[in-house]
Protein backbone atom coordinates (compact mmCIF):
# COMPACT_ATOMS: atom_id res chain seq x y z
CA MET A 1 -8.45 -15.73 -16.81
CA ALA A 2 -9.33 -19.48 -16.67
CA SER A 3 -11.29 -20.92 -13.74
CA THR A 4 -8.31 -22.82 -12.41
CA GLU A 5 -6.15 -19.64 -12.50
CA ARG A 6 -8.89 -17.74 -10.56
CA SER A 7 -9.06 -20.59 -8.02
CA HIS A 8 -5.24 -20.55 -7.62
CA GLU A 9 -5.27 -16.73 -7.28
CA SER A 10 -8.02 -16.94 -4.69
CA HIS A 11 -6.01 -19.47 -2.70
CA LEU A 12 -2.94 -17.29 -2.69
CA ILE A 13 -4.97 -14.30 -1.58
CA GLU A 14 -6.59 -16.48 1.18
CA ILE A 15 -3.11 -17.46 2.36
CA LEU A 16 -1.84 -13.86 2.42
CA CYS A 17 -4.95 -12.60 4.14
CA THR A 18 -4.80 -15.43 6.75
CA LEU A 19 -1.14 -14.77 7.54
CA GLN A 20 -1.83 -11.02 7.90
CA ASP A 21 -5.01 -11.63 9.98
CA ARG A 22 -3.10 -13.94 12.35
CA GLY A 23 -0.40 -11.26 12.92
CA VAL A 24 2.40 -13.16 11.12
CA ASP A 25 5.46 -10.91 10.36
CA PHE A 26 6.26 -11.84 6.79
CA VAL A 27 7.31 -10.44 3.39
CA VAL A 28 6.13 -11.75 0.02
CA ALA A 29 8.91 -12.60 -2.47
CA GLY A 30 9.31 -14.56 -5.64
CA GLY A 31 6.82 -14.89 -8.49
CA VAL A 32 3.82 -13.70 -6.44
CA ALA A 33 5.72 -10.55 -5.48
CA ALA A 34 6.44 -9.97 -9.17
CA VAL A 35 2.79 -10.46 -10.01
CA LEU A 36 1.73 -8.00 -7.27
CA HIS A 37 4.03 -5.50 -8.82
CA GLY A 38 2.28 -5.89 -12.18
CA VAL A 39 4.27 -8.63 -13.96
CA GLU A 40 1.85 -10.80 -16.06
CA ARG A 41 2.97 -14.39 -15.37
CA MET A 42 1.74 -17.59 -13.76
CA THR A 43 3.23 -18.91 -10.62
CA LEU A 44 2.35 -22.04 -8.67
CA ASP A 45 3.97 -21.23 -5.36
CA LEU A 46 4.13 -18.54 -2.72
CA ASP A 47 7.50 -17.50 -1.40
CA VAL A 48 7.47 -15.69 1.93
CA ALA A 49 10.25 -14.67 4.27
CA VAL A 50 9.00 -15.09 7.88
CA SER A 51 10.49 -13.47 10.95
CA LEU A 52 12.20 -16.19 12.99
CA ASP A 53 10.92 -14.85 16.33
CA PRO A 54 9.56 -17.90 18.16
CA ASN A 55 6.13 -16.27 18.78
CA ASN A 56 5.90 -15.30 15.15
CA LEU A 57 6.80 -18.84 14.03
CA ARG A 58 4.00 -20.16 16.29
CA CYS A 59 1.52 -17.79 14.67
CA PHE A 60 2.83 -18.82 11.25
CA LEU A 61 2.42 -22.48 12.09
CA SER A 62 -1.04 -21.92 13.45
CA ALA A 63 -2.07 -20.13 10.21
CA LEU A 64 -0.63 -22.94 8.13
CA ASP A 65 -2.62 -25.47 10.12
CA GLU A 66 -5.77 -23.39 9.68
CA LEU A 67 -5.16 -23.34 5.97
CA ARG A 68 -4.43 -27.11 6.03
CA LEU A 69 -0.97 -26.57 4.51
CA VAL A 70 1.84 -29.09 5.16
CA PRO A 71 5.52 -28.95 4.45
CA ARG A 72 6.58 -30.26 1.05
CA ALA A 73 9.77 -31.60 2.68
CA PRO A 74 9.36 -34.86 4.72
CA ILE A 75 9.82 -33.04 8.10
CA PRO A 76 7.26 -31.84 10.68
CA ALA A 77 6.26 -28.20 10.27
CA ASP A 78 7.24 -27.41 13.89
CA THR A 79 10.87 -28.19 12.99
CA ILE A 80 11.22 -24.48 12.31
CA LEU A 81 10.83 -23.88 16.07
CA ASP A 82 14.06 -25.75 16.76
CA ALA A 83 16.94 -23.28 16.00
CA ALA A 84 19.64 -26.00 16.05
CA ARG A 85 17.70 -28.18 13.63
CA VAL A 86 17.12 -25.20 11.32
CA GLU A 87 20.87 -24.44 11.36
CA GLU A 88 21.59 -28.09 10.51
CA LEU A 89 19.10 -28.05 7.57
CA ILE A 90 20.64 -24.77 6.27
CA ARG A 91 24.08 -26.29 6.50
CA GLU A 92 23.07 -29.62 4.91
CA LYS A 93 20.72 -28.27 2.25
CA ASN A 94 22.52 -25.04 1.49
CA ALA A 95 19.37 -23.04 2.15
CA LEU A 96 19.53 -19.38 1.29
CA VAL A 97 18.18 -16.66 3.56
CA PHE A 98 17.25 -13.22 2.31
CA THR A 99 16.89 -10.18 4.54
CA PHE A 100 14.39 -7.53 3.39
CA TRP A 101 15.36 -4.11 4.77
CA ASN A 102 12.68 -2.02 3.15
CA PRO A 103 9.74 -3.93 1.77
CA GLN A 104 7.01 -2.15 -0.11
CA GLU A 105 3.49 -2.23 1.26
CA LEU A 106 0.49 -3.09 -0.91
CA THR A 107 -3.16 -3.33 0.12
CA ILE A 108 -5.04 -6.54 -0.59
CA ARG A 109 -8.68 -6.84 0.50
CA GLY A 110 -8.14 -4.07 3.05
CA ARG A 111 -5.01 -5.62 4.50
CA THR A 112 -1.50 -4.19 4.29
CA ILE A 113 0.82 -6.84 2.89
CA ARG A 114 4.63 -6.35 2.75
CA VAL A 115 6.19 -7.28 -0.55
CA ALA A 116 9.80 -7.30 -1.66
CA SER A 117 10.35 -4.17 -3.70
CA ARG A 118 10.86 -4.40 -7.50
CA ARG A 119 14.54 -3.49 -7.04
CA LYS A 120 15.02 -6.23 -4.40
CA LEU A 121 13.23 -8.84 -6.56
CA ILE A 122 15.49 -7.91 -9.47
CA GLU A 123 18.53 -8.24 -7.23
CA MET A 124 17.34 -11.61 -5.84
CA LYS A 125 16.45 -13.10 -9.18
CA SER A 126 19.76 -11.93 -10.65
CA ARG A 127 21.56 -14.00 -8.01
CA VAL A 128 19.79 -17.26 -8.80
CA ARG A 129 22.26 -19.91 -10.00
CA PRO A 130 21.74 -21.41 -12.48
CA ILE A 131 19.59 -18.59 -13.70
CA ARG A 132 16.22 -19.80 -14.98
CA GLU A 133 14.32 -18.55 -17.99
CA LYS A 134 11.45 -17.48 -15.80
CA ASP A 135 13.81 -15.41 -13.65
CA LEU A 136 15.25 -13.67 -16.71
CA ASN A 137 11.68 -12.90 -17.90
CA ASP A 138 10.73 -11.53 -14.47
CA ILE A 139 13.88 -9.33 -14.42
CA LYS A 140 13.01 -7.97 -17.85
CA ALA A 141 9.37 -7.30 -16.92
CA LEU A 142 10.21 -5.77 -13.53
CA THR A 143 12.78 -3.54 -15.14
CA LYS A 144 10.27 -2.41 -17.78
CA ILE A 145 7.78 -1.51 -15.07
CA ASP A 146 10.42 0.57 -13.35
CA GLU A 147 11.31 2.33 -16.61
CA ASN A 148 7.65 3.15 -17.25
CA LYS A 149 6.89 4.23 -13.69
CA PRO A 150 6.07 8.00 -13.78
CA ALA A 151 7.91 10.40 -11.53
CA PRO A 152 5.91 12.78 -9.31
CA ASP A 153 6.19 15.26 -12.18
CA GLY A 154 4.76 12.70 -14.60
CA ARG A 155 7.95 11.85 -16.49
CA PRO A 156 8.98 8.14 -16.71
CA THR A 157 11.70 7.25 -14.15
CA ARG A 158 13.40 4.41 -12.41
CA GLU A 159 12.57 3.43 -8.80
C-alpha cells in the first residue's frame, strides 16, 4: 500500500473512531463499507447515515468540528439541525435517504462500528441511477464474498 493510501486509510479510521468515541449514532455505507467487508478497492470518501435525533446531530457536528471537517456544499454544517431547511434541501436537491434496519457490527481499534450489511450494500448500489462502473464492480465483489463465505458447517453459502 502506498504512503498516501495509508494516510487516507488512517484518516478514515480516525473519523470512524472519533464518531464512535463521541457517541454518534451512525452506520457506515458506500465504498468504505464495501472495503470493510473485504472488497479490494480505493475510495476517497466516507458515506455515513446518521440518526437525525437533534442530540445525535449535535454530537456529530462536534465530532466534525474536532476533526476539522467542513461541508462540501456551500452551507453551514449546523443546517442539519433545522428540520425545515433539511426538508427543503431534500426536495430541491432530490437527496436520497436510506434506512438501515439491521447493520452488521465490525470491530475497529477496539470500537464497535455499525456497517451496512453486504446484502444492503448490494441492494443500495443496484439502485444507483445511472449505475456507475465502480458500483457494478462493488456488486460483483460483494456477491463473490457472499458466495465464498463458509456456512457454520464449512460449506460455501450466501448470507
